[in-house]
C-alpha atoms as a PDB file:
ATOM      1  CA  MET A   1     -27.065 -58.351 142.394  1.00  0.00           C
ATOM      2  CA  SER A   2     -28.482 -59.927 145.174  1.00  0.00           C
ATOM      3  CA  SER A   3     -26.772 -59.733 148.849  1.00  0.00           C
ATOM      4  CA  ILE A   4     -26.183 -63.368 148.985  1.00  0.00           C
ATOM      5  CA  GLU A   5     -24.458 -63.083 145.416  1.00  0.00           C
ATOM      6  CA  GLU A   6     -22.191 -59.689 146.163  1.00  0.00           C
ATOM      7  CA  ARG A   7     -21.175 -61.399 149.288  1.00  0.00           C
ATOM      8  CA  ALA A   8     -20.085 -64.840 147.704  1.00  0.00           C
ATOM      9  CA  LEU A   9     -18.343 -62.813 145.397  1.00  0.00           C
ATOM     10  CA  VAL A  10     -16.710 -60.528 147.864  1.00  0.00           C
ATOM     11  CA  ILE A  11     -15.470 -63.531 149.480  1.00  0.00           C
ATOM     12  CA  VAL A  12     -14.042 -65.353 146.246  1.00  0.00           C
ATOM     13  CA  LEU A  13     -11.929 -62.036 145.274  1.00  0.00           C
ATOM     14  CA  ALA A  14     -10.661 -61.554 149.125  1.00  0.00           C
ATOM     15  CA  LEU A  15      -9.517 -65.130 149.000  1.00  0.00           C
ATOM     16  CA  LEU A  16      -7.709 -64.542 145.936  1.00  0.00           C
ATOM     17  CA  VAL A  17      -6.154 -61.238 147.216  1.00  0.00           C
ATOM     18  CA  ASP A  18      -4.771 -63.227 150.590  1.00  0.00           C
ATOM     19  CA  ALA A  19      -3.262 -66.484 148.039  1.00  0.00           C
ATOM     20  CA  PHE A  20      -1.557 -63.867 145.874  1.00  0.00           C
ATOM     21  CA  LEU A  21      -0.702 -60.901 148.104  1.00  0.00           C
ATOM     22  CA  GLY A  22      -0.655 -62.237 151.570  1.00  0.00           C
ATOM     23  CA  GLU A  23       0.097 -59.986 154.588  1.00  0.00           C
ATOM     24  CA  PRO A  24       1.509 -56.584 153.054  1.00  0.00           C
ATOM     25  CA  GLU A  25       4.415 -56.038 156.265  1.00  0.00           C
ATOM     26  CA  TRP A  26       5.226 -52.777 154.600  1.00  0.00           C
ATOM     27  CA  LEU A  27       1.904 -51.801 154.696  1.00  0.00           C
ATOM     28  CA  TRP A  28       1.583 -53.020 158.521  1.00  0.00           C
ATOM     29  CA  ALA A  29       4.838 -50.878 159.259  1.00  0.00           C
ATOM     30  CA  ARG A  30       3.505 -47.825 158.615  1.00  0.00           C
ATOM     31  CA  ILE A  31      -0.496 -48.529 160.063  1.00  0.00           C
ATOM     32  CA  PRO A  32      -1.465 -50.672 162.868  1.00  0.00           C
ATOM     33  CA  HIS A  33      -2.997 -53.991 161.262  1.00  0.00           C
ATOM     34  CA  PRO A  34      -7.205 -53.799 162.533  1.00  0.00           C
ATOM     35  CA  VAL A  35      -6.605 -56.730 164.785  1.00  0.00           C
ATOM     36  CA  VAL A  36      -3.500 -54.667 166.546  1.00  0.00           C
ATOM     37  CA  LEU A  37      -6.418 -52.179 167.032  1.00  0.00           C
ATOM     38  CA  ILE A  38      -8.754 -54.655 168.576  1.00  0.00           C
ATOM     39  CA  GLY A  39      -5.586 -56.037 170.533  1.00  0.00           C
ATOM     40  CA  ARG A  40      -4.944 -52.829 172.298  1.00  0.00           C
ATOM     41  CA  ALA A  41      -8.561 -52.493 172.928  1.00  0.00           C
ATOM     42  CA  ILE A  42      -8.828 -55.539 174.646  1.00  0.00           C
ATOM     43  CA  GLY A  43      -5.582 -54.977 176.563  1.00  0.00           C
ATOM     44  CA  GLY A  44      -6.890 -51.371 178.076  1.00  0.00           C
ATOM     45  CA  LEU A  45     -10.493 -53.235 178.940  1.00  0.00           C
ATOM     46  CA  ASP A  46      -8.229 -56.140 180.817  1.00  0.00           C
ATOM     47  CA  SER A  47      -6.488 -53.402 182.655  1.00  0.00           C
ATOM     48  CA  ALA A  48      -9.193 -51.286 183.486  1.00  0.00           C
ATOM     49  CA  LEU A  49     -11.762 -54.115 184.481  1.00  0.00           C
ATOM     50  CA  ASN A  50     -10.148 -56.886 185.497  1.00  0.00           C
ATOM     51  CA  ARG A  51      -8.316 -55.756 188.970  1.00  0.00           C
ATOM     52  CA  GLU A  52      -5.968 -57.808 191.304  1.00  0.00           C
ATOM     53  CA  GLY A  53      -7.778 -58.775 194.356  1.00  0.00           C
ATOM     54  CA  ALA A  54     -11.227 -58.168 193.076  1.00  0.00           C
ATOM     55  CA  PRO A  55     -13.489 -61.164 193.922  1.00  0.00           C
ATOM     56  CA  PRO A  56     -14.256 -63.177 190.901  1.00  0.00           C
ATOM     57  CA  ALA A  57     -18.441 -62.047 190.637  1.00  0.00           C
ATOM     58  CA  ARG A  58     -17.138 -58.246 190.026  1.00  0.00           C
ATOM     59  CA  ARG A  59     -14.429 -59.988 187.540  1.00  0.00           C
ATOM     60  CA  ARG A  60     -16.709 -61.994 185.577  1.00  0.00           C
ATOM     61  CA  ALA A  61     -19.140 -59.274 185.273  1.00  0.00           C
ATOM     62  CA  GLY A  62     -16.264 -57.015 184.093  1.00  0.00           C
ATOM     63  CA  GLY A  63     -15.505 -59.466 181.737  1.00  0.00           C
ATOM     64  CA  VAL A  64     -19.415 -59.542 180.349  1.00  0.00           C
ATOM     65  CA  PHE A  65     -19.176 -55.764 179.948  1.00  0.00           C
ATOM     66  CA  ALA A  66     -15.934 -55.876 177.982  1.00  0.00           C
ATOM     67  CA  ILE A  67     -16.871 -58.385 175.407  1.00  0.00           C
ATOM     68  CA  ALA A  68     -20.011 -57.136 175.214  1.00  0.00           C
ATOM     69  CA  SER A  69     -18.700 -53.578 174.409  1.00  0.00           C
ATOM     70  CA  LEU A  70     -16.527 -54.906 172.076  1.00  0.00           C
ATOM     71  CA  VAL A  71     -18.458 -56.584 170.312  1.00  0.00           C
ATOM     72  CA  LEU A  72     -20.840 -53.667 170.012  1.00  0.00           C
ATOM     73  CA  ALA A  73     -17.870 -51.233 168.556  1.00  0.00           C
ATOM     74  CA  ALA A  74     -17.113 -53.618 166.097  1.00  0.00           C
ATOM     75  CA  LEU A  75     -20.791 -53.956 164.936  1.00  0.00           C
ATOM     76  CA  ILE A  76     -21.007 -50.016 164.377  1.00  0.00           C
ATOM     77  CA  ALA A  77     -17.920 -50.042 163.019  1.00  0.00           C
ATOM     78  CA  GLY A  78     -18.678 -52.442 160.280  1.00  0.00           C
ATOM     79  CA  GLN A  79     -22.090 -51.192 159.343  1.00  0.00           C
ATOM     80  CA  LEU A  80     -20.446 -47.437 159.349  1.00  0.00           C
ATOM     81  CA  LEU A  81     -18.023 -49.255 156.694  1.00  0.00           C
ATOM     82  CA  ALA A  82     -20.330 -51.087 154.876  1.00  0.00           C
ATOM     83  CA  LEU A  83     -22.610 -47.794 154.549  1.00  0.00           C
ATOM     84  CA  LEU A  84     -19.447 -45.772 153.580  1.00  0.00           C
ATOM     85  CA  PHE A  85     -18.646 -48.203 151.093  1.00  0.00           C
ATOM     86  CA  GLU A  86     -22.124 -48.107 149.305  1.00  0.00           C
ATOM     87  CA  LEU A  87     -21.336 -44.387 148.196  1.00  0.00           C
ATOM     88  CA  LEU A  88     -18.014 -45.141 146.731  1.00  0.00           C
ATOM     89  CA  PRO A  89     -17.387 -46.869 143.206  1.00  0.00           C
ATOM     90  CA  LEU A  90     -15.939 -50.446 143.037  1.00  0.00           C
ATOM     91  CA  THR A  91     -18.056 -51.230 146.573  1.00  0.00           C
ATOM     92  CA  VAL A  92     -17.216 -55.045 146.253  1.00  0.00           C
ATOM     93  CA  LEU A  93     -13.909 -54.475 145.500  1.00  0.00           C
ATOM     94  CA  LEU A  94     -13.663 -52.416 148.491  1.00  0.00           C
ATOM     95  CA  GLN A  95     -15.735 -55.110 151.045  1.00  0.00           C
ATOM     96  CA  ALA A  96     -13.002 -57.714 149.262  1.00  0.00           C
ATOM     97  CA  LEU A  97      -9.827 -55.944 150.459  1.00  0.00           C
ATOM     98  CA  VAL A  98     -11.262 -55.280 153.737  1.00  0.00           C
ATOM     99  CA  VAL A  99     -12.066 -59.357 153.999  1.00  0.00           C
ATOM    100  CA  ALA A 100      -8.652 -59.998 152.900  1.00  0.00           C
ATOM    101  CA  VAL A 101      -6.809 -58.554 155.474  1.00  0.00           C
ATOM    102  CA  LEU A 102      -8.981 -60.196 158.066  1.00  0.00           C
ATOM    103  CA  VAL A 103      -8.650 -63.493 156.599  1.00  0.00           C
ATOM    104  CA  ALA A 104      -4.926 -65.403 157.488  1.00  0.00           C
ATOM    105  CA  ALA A 105      -5.194 -68.041 154.681  1.00  0.00           C
ATOM    106  CA  ARG A 106      -1.675 -67.719 153.083  1.00  0.00           C
ATOM    107  CA  SER A 107      -0.052 -66.503 156.248  1.00  0.00           C
ATOM    108  CA  LEU A 108      -1.286 -69.596 157.637  1.00  0.00           C
ATOM    109  CA  HIS A 109       0.375 -71.629 154.756  1.00  0.00           C
ATOM    110  CA  ASP A 110       3.905 -69.794 155.264  1.00  0.00           C
ATOM    111  CA  HIS A 111       3.881 -70.221 159.137  1.00  0.00           C
ATOM    112  CA  VAL A 112       3.354 -74.240 158.690  1.00  0.00           C
ATOM    113  CA  ALA A 113       5.950 -74.333 155.752  1.00  0.00           C
ATOM    114  CA  ALA A 114       8.396 -72.702 158.204  1.00  0.00           C
ATOM    115  CA  VAL A 115       8.103 -75.388 160.250  1.00  0.00           C
ATOM    116  CA  ALA A 116       8.771 -77.842 157.481  1.00  0.00           C
ATOM    117  CA  LEU A 117      11.520 -75.578 156.733  1.00  0.00           C
ATOM    118  CA  GLY A 118      12.876 -75.002 160.114  1.00  0.00           C
ATOM    119  CA  LEU A 119      12.813 -79.086 160.621  1.00  0.00           C
ATOM    120  CA  ALA A 120      14.680 -79.798 157.470  1.00  0.00           C
ATOM    121  CA  GLY A 121      17.227 -77.218 157.647  1.00  0.00           C
ATOM    122  CA  GLY A 122      17.900 -76.558 161.232  1.00  0.00           C
ATOM    123  CA  GLY A 123      17.242 -79.697 162.633  1.00  0.00           C
ATOM    124  CA  LEU A 124      14.982 -80.112 166.223  1.00  0.00           C
ATOM    125  CA  ALA A 125      16.413 -76.502 167.228  1.00  0.00           C
ATOM    126  CA  GLY A 126      15.143 -74.868 163.649  1.00  0.00           C
ATOM    127  CA  GLY A 127      11.832 -76.716 164.336  1.00  0.00           C
ATOM    128  CA  ARG A 128      11.365 -75.673 167.681  1.00  0.00           C
ATOM    129  CA  ALA A 129      11.616 -72.237 166.851  1.00  0.00           C
ATOM    130  CA  ALA A 130       9.457 -71.989 163.978  1.00  0.00           C
ATOM    131  CA  VAL A 131       6.700 -73.685 165.519  1.00  0.00           C
ATOM    132  CA  ALA A 132       7.424 -71.522 168.510  1.00  0.00           C
ATOM    133  CA  ARG A 133       5.134 -68.651 166.336  1.00  0.00           C
ATOM    134  CA  ILE A 134       2.106 -70.742 165.664  1.00  0.00           C
ATOM    135  CA  VAL A 135       1.525 -72.692 168.850  1.00  0.00           C
ATOM    136  CA  GLY A 136       1.375 -71.604 172.549  1.00  0.00           C
ATOM    137  CA  ARG A 137       2.913 -75.092 174.115  1.00  0.00           C
ATOM    138  CA  ASP A 138       6.751 -74.994 175.403  1.00  0.00           C
ATOM    139  CA  PRO A 139       8.730 -75.881 172.403  1.00  0.00           C
ATOM    140  CA  ALA A 140      11.469 -76.770 174.836  1.00  0.00           C
ATOM    141  CA  SER A 141       9.179 -80.050 175.573  1.00  0.00           C
ATOM    142  CA  LEU A 142       8.995 -81.269 172.187  1.00  0.00           C
ATOM    143  CA  ASP A 143      10.906 -83.638 170.011  1.00  0.00           C
ATOM    144  CA  ALA A 144      11.091 -83.836 166.015  1.00  0.00           C
ATOM    145  CA  PRO A 145       7.727 -85.544 165.725  1.00  0.00           C
ATOM    146  CA  ALA A 146       5.767 -83.604 168.134  1.00  0.00           C
ATOM    147  CA  VAL A 147       6.784 -80.440 166.466  1.00  0.00           C
ATOM    148  CA  ALA A 148       5.510 -81.603 163.187  1.00  0.00           C
ATOM    149  CA  ARG A 149       2.736 -82.523 164.734  1.00  0.00           C
ATOM    150  CA  ALA A 150       1.707 -79.242 166.497  1.00  0.00           C
ATOM    151  CA  ALA A 151       2.299 -77.579 163.257  1.00  0.00           C
ATOM    152  CA  ILE A 152      -0.263 -79.966 161.651  1.00  0.00           C
ATOM    153  CA  GLU A 153      -2.663 -79.496 164.243  1.00  0.00           C
ATOM    154  CA  SER A 154      -1.856 -75.712 164.205  1.00  0.00           C
ATOM    155  CA  ALA A 155      -3.247 -76.205 160.117  1.00  0.00           C
ATOM    156  CA  GLY A 156      -5.883 -77.405 161.225  1.00  0.00           C
ATOM    157  CA  GLU A 157      -7.209 -75.737 163.777  1.00  0.00           C
ATOM    158  CA  ASN A 158      -6.328 -72.264 162.158  1.00  0.00           C
ATOM    159  CA  PHE A 159      -8.038 -72.579 159.036  1.00  0.00           C
ATOM    160  CA  SER A 160     -10.999 -73.489 160.888  1.00  0.00           C
ATOM    161  CA  ASP A 161     -10.940 -69.706 163.420  1.00  0.00           C
ATOM    162  CA  GLY A 162      -8.548 -68.036 160.756  1.00  0.00           C
ATOM    163  CA  VAL A 163     -10.183 -68.781 157.431  1.00  0.00           C
ATOM    164  CA  VAL A 164     -13.596 -70.416 157.686  1.00  0.00           C
ATOM    165  CA  ALA A 165     -15.164 -68.878 160.332  1.00  0.00           C
ATOM    166  CA  PRO A 166     -14.319 -64.807 159.855  1.00  0.00           C
ATOM    167  CA  VAL A 167     -15.593 -66.164 155.968  1.00  0.00           C
ATOM    168  CA  PHE A 168     -18.853 -67.366 157.288  1.00  0.00           C
ATOM    169  CA  TRP A 169     -19.809 -64.750 159.387  1.00  0.00           C
ATOM    170  CA  PHE A 170     -19.178 -62.479 156.324  1.00  0.00           C
ATOM    171  CA  ALA A 171     -21.281 -64.641 154.571  1.00  0.00           C
ATOM    172  CA  LEU A 172     -23.645 -64.001 157.264  1.00  0.00           C
ATOM    173  CA  LEU A 173     -23.747 -60.463 158.232  1.00  0.00           C
ATOM    174  CA  GLY A 174     -21.286 -58.790 156.307  1.00  0.00           C
ATOM    175  CA  LEU A 175     -18.869 -56.414 157.475  1.00  0.00           C
ATOM    176  CA  PRO A 176     -20.357 -56.084 161.064  1.00  0.00           C
ATOM    177  CA  GLY A 177     -20.381 -59.896 160.849  1.00  0.00           C
ATOM    178  CA  ILE A 178     -16.496 -60.446 160.423  1.00  0.00           C
ATOM    179  CA  LEU A 179     -15.497 -57.647 162.541  1.00  0.00           C
ATOM    180  CA  ALA A 180     -17.327 -58.984 165.499  1.00  0.00           C
ATOM    181  CA  TYR A 181     -16.211 -62.631 165.008  1.00  0.00           C
ATOM    182  CA  LYS A 182     -12.661 -61.190 164.522  1.00  0.00           C
ATOM    183  CA  ALA A 183     -13.057 -59.334 168.100  1.00  0.00           C
ATOM    184  CA  ILE A 184     -14.446 -61.959 169.586  1.00  0.00           C
ATOM    185  CA  ASN A 185     -11.817 -64.408 168.671  1.00  0.00           C
ATOM    186  CA  THR A 186      -8.970 -62.186 169.246  1.00  0.00           C
ATOM    187  CA  ALA A 187      -9.992 -61.587 172.843  1.00  0.00           C
ATOM    188  CA  ASP A 188     -10.217 -65.079 173.156  1.00  0.00           C
ATOM    189  CA  SER A 189      -6.542 -65.906 172.444  1.00  0.00           C
ATOM    190  CA  MET A 190      -5.885 -62.953 174.782  1.00  0.00           C
ATOM    191  CA  VAL A 191      -8.261 -63.450 177.795  1.00  0.00           C
ATOM    192  CA  GLY A 192     -10.421 -66.300 177.657  1.00  0.00           C
ATOM    193  CA  HIS A 193      -7.504 -68.714 178.853  1.00  0.00           C
ATOM    194  CA  LEU A 194      -7.765 -70.575 182.327  1.00  0.00           C
ATOM    195  CA  THR A 195      -5.068 -68.489 184.029  1.00  0.00           C
ATOM    196  CA  ALA A 196      -5.376 -66.979 187.410  1.00  0.00           C
ATOM    197  CA  ARG A 197      -5.592 -63.859 185.639  1.00  0.00           C
ATOM    198  CA  HIS A 198      -8.367 -64.271 183.332  1.00  0.00           C
ATOM    199  CA  ARG A 199     -10.723 -67.474 184.330  1.00  0.00           C
ATOM    200  CA  ASP A 200     -13.488 -65.157 185.824  1.00  0.00           C
ATOM    201  CA  PHE A 201     -12.707 -62.482 183.376  1.00  0.00           C
ATOM    202  CA  GLY A 202     -12.422 -64.370 180.483  1.00  0.00           C
ATOM    203  CA  MET A 203     -14.935 -66.538 181.249  1.00  0.00           C
ATOM    204  CA  ALA A 204     -17.693 -65.155 179.092  1.00  0.00           C
ATOM    205  CA  THR A 205     -15.588 -64.205 175.976  1.00  0.00           C
ATOM    206  CA  ALA A 206     -14.407 -68.285 175.756  1.00  0.00           C
ATOM    207  CA  ARG A 207     -18.156 -69.089 176.097  1.00  0.00           C
ATOM    208  CA  LEU A 208     -18.835 -66.503 173.326  1.00  0.00           C
ATOM    209  CA  ASP A 209     -15.621 -68.027 171.181  1.00  0.00           C
ATOM    210  CA  ASP A 210     -17.053 -71.270 171.490  1.00  0.00           C
ATOM    211  CA  VAL A 211     -20.505 -70.237 170.076  1.00  0.00           C
ATOM    212  CA  ALA A 212     -18.761 -68.206 167.317  1.00  0.00           C
ATOM    213  CA  ASN A 213     -16.864 -71.168 166.303  1.00  0.00           C
ATOM    214  CA  PHE A 214     -19.232 -73.957 166.396  1.00  0.00           C
ATOM    215  CA  VAL A 215     -20.773 -74.206 163.046  1.00  0.00           C
ATOM    216  CA  PRO A 216     -17.311 -73.249 161.294  1.00  0.00           C
ATOM    217  CA  ALA A 217     -15.400 -75.679 163.327  1.00  0.00           C
ATOM    218  CA  ARG A 218     -17.584 -78.489 161.576  1.00  0.00           C
ATOM    219  CA  LEU A 219     -17.589 -76.927 158.227  1.00  0.00           C
ATOM    220  CA  ALA A 220     -13.935 -76.678 158.447  1.00  0.00           C
ATOM    221  CA  GLY A 221     -13.649 -80.195 159.284  1.00  0.00           C
ATOM    222  CA  GLY A 222     -16.230 -81.193 156.223  1.00  0.00           C
ATOM    223  CA  LEU A 223     -13.728 -79.199 154.099  1.00  0.00           C
ATOM    224  CA  ILE A 224     -10.801 -80.678 154.974  1.00  0.00           C
ATOM    225  CA  ALA A 225     -12.219 -84.302 154.083  1.00  0.00           C
ATOM    226  CA  ALA A 226     -13.392 -82.877 150.484  1.00  0.00           C
ATOM    227  CA  GLY A 227      -9.545 -81.155 150.412  1.00  0.00           C
ATOM    228  CA  ALA A 228      -8.413 -84.859 151.535  1.00  0.00           C
ATOM    229  CA  LEU A 229     -10.069 -86.404 148.630  1.00  0.00           C
ATOM    230  CA  LEU A 230      -8.334 -83.677 146.201  1.00  0.00           C
ATOM    231  CA  ALA A 231      -5.213 -84.682 147.762  1.00  0.00           C
ATOM    232  CA  ARG A 232      -5.492 -88.056 147.353  1.00  0.00           C
ATOM    233  CA  GLU A 233      -5.595 -88.366 150.919  1.00  0.00           C
ATOM    234  CA  ASP A 234      -7.907 -90.605 153.462  1.00  0.00           C
ATOM    235  CA  GLY A 235     -11.234 -88.282 152.971  1.00  0.00           C
ATOM    236  CA  ALA A 236     -13.543 -91.319 154.731  1.00  0.00           C
ATOM    237  CA  GLY A 237     -10.861 -91.189 157.349  1.00  0.00           C
ATOM    238  CA  ALA A 238     -11.010 -87.645 158.123  1.00  0.00           C
ATOM    239  CA  VAL A 239     -14.916 -88.348 158.409  1.00  0.00           C
ATOM    240  CA  ARG A 240     -14.645 -91.030 160.302  1.00  0.00           C
ATOM    241  CA  ALA A 241     -11.799 -89.654 163.103  1.00  0.00           C
ATOM    242  CA  MET A 242     -14.501 -86.722 162.935  1.00  0.00           C
ATOM    243  CA  PHE A 243     -17.164 -88.171 164.812  1.00  0.00           C
ATOM    244  CA  ASP A 244     -14.928 -90.886 166.493  1.00  0.00           C
ATOM    245  CA  ASP A 245     -12.613 -88.459 168.407  1.00  0.00           C
ATOM    246  CA  ALA A 246     -13.685 -84.723 168.087  1.00  0.00           C
ATOM    247  CA  HIS A 247     -15.652 -85.319 170.877  1.00  0.00           C
ATOM    248  CA  ARG A 248     -12.545 -86.094 172.930  1.00  0.00           C
ATOM    249  CA  HIS A 249     -10.919 -82.938 172.457  1.00  0.00           C
ATOM    250  CA  ARG A 250     -11.176 -80.681 175.447  1.00  0.00           C
ATOM    251  CA  SER A 251     -12.180 -77.989 172.941  1.00  0.00           C
ATOM    252  CA  PRO A 252     -15.605 -78.102 171.557  1.00  0.00           C
ATOM    253  CA  ASN A 253     -14.911 -77.025 168.128  1.00  0.00           C
ATOM    254  CA  ALA A 254     -11.009 -77.632 167.850  1.00  0.00           C
ATOM    255  CA  GLY A 255     -11.602 -81.175 167.616  1.00  0.00           C
ATOM    256  CA  TRP A 256     -13.005 -81.094 164.488  1.00  0.00           C
ATOM    257  CA  PRO A 257     -10.573 -79.711 162.010  1.00  0.00           C
ATOM    258  CA  GLU A 258      -7.834 -81.489 163.918  1.00  0.00           C
ATOM    259  CA  ALA A 259      -9.285 -84.897 163.934  1.00  0.00           C
ATOM    260  CA  ALA A 260     -10.060 -84.349 160.432  1.00  0.00           C
ATOM    261  CA  MET A 261      -6.094 -83.553 159.528  1.00  0.00           C
ATOM    262  CA  ALA A 262      -5.619 -86.365 161.497  1.00  0.00           C
ATOM    263  CA  GLY A 263      -7.547 -88.945 159.889  1.00  0.00           C
ATOM    264  CA  ALA A 264      -6.675 -88.218 156.202  1.00  0.00           C
ATOM    265  CA  LEU A 265      -3.296 -87.871 156.833  1.00  0.00           C
ATOM    266  CA  GLY A 266      -3.170 -91.075 159.299  1.00  0.00           C
ATOM    267  CA  LEU A 267      -1.922 -89.642 162.338  1.00  0.00           C
ATOM    268  CA  ALA A 268      -2.368 -89.460 165.556  1.00  0.00           C
ATOM    269  CA  LEU A 269      -2.765 -85.465 166.720  1.00  0.00           C
ATOM    270  CA  ALA A 270      -2.963 -83.691 170.017  1.00  0.00           C
ATOM    271  CA  GLY A 271      -2.495 -86.042 172.652  1.00  0.00           C
ATOM    272  CA  PRO A 272      -0.575 -84.555 176.313  1.00  0.00           C
ATOM    273  CA  ARG A 273       1.534 -81.664 176.093  1.00  0.00           C
ATOM    274  CA  SER A 274       2.974 -78.878 178.018  1.00  0.00           C
ATOM    275  CA  TYR A 275       1.697 -75.237 178.658  1.00  0.00           C
ATOM    276  CA  GLY A 276       4.116 -73.202 180.897  1.00  0.00           C
ATOM    277  CA  GLY A 277       5.620 -75.655 182.171  1.00  0.00           C
ATOM    278  CA  VAL A 278       2.138 -77.417 183.145  1.00  0.00           C
ATOM    279  CA  ARG A 279       1.148 -80.753 181.311  1.00  0.00           C
ATOM    280  CA  VAL A 280      -2.281 -80.666 180.264  1.00  0.00           C
ATOM    281  CA  ASP A 281      -3.191 -84.347 179.515  1.00  0.00           C
ATOM    282  CA  ASP A 282      -5.215 -84.079 175.980  1.00  0.00           C
ATOM    283  CA  ALA A 283      -6.879 -87.406 174.339  1.00  0.00           C
ATOM    284  CA  TRP A 284      -5.223 -88.495 171.262  1.00  0.00           C
ATOM    285  CA  LEU A 285      -7.454 -87.799 168.108  1.00  0.00           C
ATOM    286  CA  ASN A 286      -7.245 -90.984 165.239  1.00  0.00           C
ATOM    287  CA  ARG A 287      -5.928 -92.704 168.278  1.00  0.00           C
ATOM    288  CA  GLY A 288      -4.210 -95.502 167.601  1.00  0.00           C
ATOM    289  CA  ALA A 289      -2.854 -94.059 164.233  1.00  0.00           C
ATOM    290  CA  ARG A 290       0.965 -93.567 163.777  1.00  0.00           C
ATOM    291  CA  ARG A 291       2.663 -90.877 166.031  1.00  0.00           C
ATOM    292  CA  GLU A 292       5.746 -90.570 164.352  1.00  0.00           C
ATOM    293  CA  ALA A 293       5.043 -87.553 161.974  1.00  0.00           C
ATOM    294  CA  GLY A 294       8.225 -85.718 159.927  1.00  0.00           C
ATOM    295  CA  VAL A 295       8.689 -82.764 157.644  1.00  0.00           C
ATOM    296  CA  ALA A 296       7.452 -85.318 154.423  1.00  0.00           C
ATOM    297  CA  ASP A 297       3.782 -84.879 156.634  1.00  0.00           C
ATOM    298  CA  ILE A 298       4.109 -81.178 157.341  1.00  0.00           C
ATOM    299  CA  ARG A 299       4.129 -81.319 153.328  1.00  0.00           C
ATOM    300  CA  ARG A 300       1.712 -83.788 152.732  1.00  0.00           C
ATOM    301  CA  ALA A 301      -0.525 -81.305 155.505  1.00  0.00           C
ATOM    302  CA  LEU A 302       0.505 -77.886 153.710  1.00  0.00           C
ATOM    303  CA  ASN A 303      -0.593 -79.786 149.997  1.00  0.00           C
ATOM    304  CA  LEU A 304      -3.989 -81.108 151.948  1.00  0.00           C
ATOM    305  CA  LEU A 305      -4.903 -77.650 153.250  1.00  0.00           C
ATOM    306  CA  ARG A 306      -4.157 -75.934 149.869  1.00  0.00           C
ATOM    307  CA  CYS A 307      -6.811 -78.465 148.914  1.00  0.00           C
ATOM    308  CA  ALA A 308      -9.334 -77.618 151.120  1.00  0.00           C
ATOM    309  CA  LEU A 309      -8.419 -73.905 150.489  1.00  0.00           C
ATOM    310  CA  LEU A 310      -9.834 -74.835 147.190  1.00  0.00           C
ATOM    311  CA  ALA A 311     -12.439 -76.451 147.946  1.00  0.00           C
ATOM    312  CA  HIS A 312     -13.728 -73.914 150.410  1.00  0.00           C
ATOM    313  CA  GLY A 313     -13.454 -71.241 147.248  1.00  0.00           C
ATOM    314  CA  ALA A 314     -15.574 -73.336 145.240  1.00  0.00           C
ATOM    315  CA  VAL A 315     -18.104 -72.989 147.649  1.00  0.00           C
ATOM    316  CA  TYR A 316     -18.095 -69.227 147.562  1.00  0.00           C
ATOM    317  CA  ALA A 317     -17.735 -69.508 143.764  1.00  0.00           C
ATOM    318  CA  LEU A 318     -20.710 -71.696 143.041  1.00  0.00           C
ATOM    319  CA  LEU A 319     -22.606 -69.384 145.619  1.00  0.00           C
ATOM    320  CA  ALA A 320     -21.750 -66.488 143.258  1.00  0.00           C
ATOM    321  CA  ILE A 321     -23.147 -68.265 140.189  1.00  0.00           C
ATOM    322  CA  LEU A 322     -26.543 -69.676 141.598  1.00  0.00           C
ATOM    323  CA  PHE A 323     -27.576 -66.599 143.166  1.00  0.00           C
END
């Protein structure tokens, strides 16, 4: 079995395991999730190397050392795990279980569905409580349409960095690749923001995360457009919105899957929002389209997400067959 064929087969199995089993909460209640361990390492490096009052240059140097150390440790851990699995039977299944743990498709679907349930059953308060679990913006600043848009944006962005990107890096580099990617992406979520504490320390992490997500974000946008055709949504609109508006997003990558979602569903997404009481005037994606989103639109987005996930799995199934 070629390495391409084996990795593609691992990915298909991992996506199936994640789709049917999701996150085994009983397991993570007993042992720490790998991402939790990565988070603890990042927190320790942040505390040790990002001292209050240190000059910006020292903080930037500490950030470079921190993310380089983290990625190196992830690469080594992934390689050791790969070598161990080669000595054991059922190596494909063992790799698939690890990849399934590091892919968040089912979790993403369930969290976005919870926003629809919250809005439908608990009104604005229920929707705000549910969406606060998946986005960083101030929930109290959101009206019902903004809650729905936030959930739909999260479906697009997290499809990219929670599913497409980790799978892409596994396909390219195996277990070292997916572990290194998760280390980078988790670090970015913790220290990659432009806060006073992390503006300098997190600079290298934020730039590396942009590089790691450059190709996957564009693949995710294409998969959402393909999923739109399966879901009987506007696939051409998804492509048009990506090429017209993705570059207007403040992130060089998140605009692609979010704009694809916007165009496919005929909605305007992103736009101004508030973080920590500070208003951020982000551009609208698929500008000019409808902004009044609701529960029905979240459910359309969930159907589109399922179809994009199906298209994503089909790509690797074809690779497993052809190679």
